[in-house]
Amino acid sequence: MPDAARHELILPDLGLGETPIIASTWLKRPGSLVIEGDRLLEVHAGSVTVDLPAPASGILAQTLVQENEGLHVGQPLAVIESRG
C-alpha cells in the first residue's frame, strides 16, 4: 500500500494589504473526504469573505486554526492526506 501524501492548505496573499484576516467558518470537519477544489474554510478580511479551496483530494486530517482566529499570509491552515 502506498504511503500517504500530506498536502497543506496555506493562507495565500489575498491582496488586501494590512487588513486583518480572520478564520470564519470551517466548511468541512476533520475526517471528511475532500476533493481538490472543495471549499474548506471561509475567511474574512474587512468586508471581504473568501472561500479557500482544498489543494488536493483526500481526507481532511487536521485543522490547524480555530474559527475566529487571526491569520497571516503563508500560515498553514489544514492538512489533507491522500494515498499515492
Protein backbone atom coordinates (compact mmCIF):
# COMPACT_ATOMS: atom_id res chain seq x y z
CA MET A 1 0.00 0.00 0.00
CA PRO A 2 1.49 3.40 -0.93
CA ASP A 3 2.37 5.93 1.75
CA ALA A 4 0.02 8.81 2.41
CA ALA A 5 0.97 12.15 0.89
CA ARG A 6 0.45 15.25 3.04
CA HIS A 7 -0.81 18.46 1.50
CA GLU A 8 -1.16 21.70 3.45
CA LEU A 9 -3.77 24.37 2.91
CA ILE A 10 -1.74 27.59 3.19
CA LEU A 11 -3.24 31.07 3.52
CA PRO A 12 -2.41 32.81 0.23
CA ASP A 13 -1.81 36.53 -0.19
CA LEU A 14 -5.33 37.82 -0.77
CA GLY A 15 -4.04 41.19 -2.00
CA LEU A 16 -5.75 43.08 0.81
CA GLY A 17 -2.68 44.78 2.27
CA GLU A 18 -2.62 45.07 6.06
CA THR A 19 -6.30 44.18 6.54
CA PRO A 20 -6.63 41.66 9.41
CA ILE A 21 -7.70 38.20 8.22
CA ILE A 22 -9.89 36.01 10.43
CA ALA A 23 -10.75 32.31 10.06
CA SER A 24 -14.53 32.44 9.95
CA THR A 25 -16.08 29.02 9.31
CA TRP A 26 -14.71 25.56 8.59
CA LEU A 27 -16.89 24.08 5.85
CA LYS A 28 -15.50 20.55 6.31
CA ARG A 29 -14.57 18.70 9.50
CA PRO A 30 -11.51 16.54 10.20
CA GLY A 31 -12.09 13.03 8.85
CA SER A 32 -14.12 14.33 5.90
CA LEU A 33 -13.36 13.22 2.36
CA VAL A 34 -12.48 16.26 0.25
CA ILE A 35 -12.00 16.68 -3.48
CA GLU A 36 -9.43 19.12 -4.83
CA GLY A 37 -11.17 22.50 -5.16
CA ASP A 38 -13.81 21.81 -2.47
CA ARG A 39 -14.44 24.82 -0.25
CA LEU A 40 -12.71 24.15 3.10
CA LEU A 41 -12.52 27.40 5.02
CA GLU A 42 -14.20 30.78 4.88
CA VAL A 43 -12.00 33.70 5.89
CA HIS A 44 -12.98 37.33 6.45
CA ALA A 45 -10.78 40.34 5.75
CA GLY A 46 -12.58 43.60 6.38
CA SER A 47 -15.81 43.43 4.39
CA VAL A 48 -14.49 40.67 2.08
CA THR A 49 -15.26 36.97 2.52
CA VAL A 50 -13.08 34.44 0.69
CA ASP A 51 -13.54 30.66 0.45
CA LEU A 52 -10.28 28.73 0.48
CA PRO A 53 -10.30 25.53 -1.59
CA ALA A 54 -8.73 22.15 -0.88
CA PRO A 55 -5.31 21.95 -2.58
CA ALA A 56 -5.67 18.19 -3.14
CA SER A 57 -8.12 15.31 -2.83
CA GLY A 58 -8.01 13.07 0.24
CA ILE A 59 -9.04 13.09 3.89
CA LEU A 60 -9.02 16.32 5.89
CA ALA A 61 -6.65 15.00 8.54
CA GLN A 62 -6.26 18.10 10.69
CA THR A 63 -7.34 21.70 11.01
CA LEU A 64 -4.54 23.88 12.37
CA VAL A 65 -6.50 27.02 13.25
CA GLN A 66 -9.72 27.68 15.12
CA GLU A 67 -12.73 29.63 13.93
CA ASN A 68 -12.41 33.35 14.84
CA GLU A 69 -8.59 33.07 14.99
CA GLY A 70 -6.44 35.77 13.39
CA LEU A 71 -4.33 34.56 10.45
CA HIS A 72 -1.28 35.67 8.49
CA VAL A 73 -0.23 35.09 4.88
CA GLY A 74 1.73 31.86 4.45
CA GLN A 75 0.26 30.26 7.57
CA PRO A 76 -0.61 26.54 7.33
CA LEU A 77 -4.34 26.13 7.96
CA ALA A 78 -5.08 22.42 7.43
CA VAL A 79 -3.55 19.11 6.44
CA ILE A 80 -5.03 16.77 3.81
CA GLU A 81 -3.74 13.22 3.49
CA SER A 82 -4.09 11.32 0.25
CA ARG A 83 -2.95 7.91 -0.88
CA GLY A 84 -0.42 7.91 -3.70
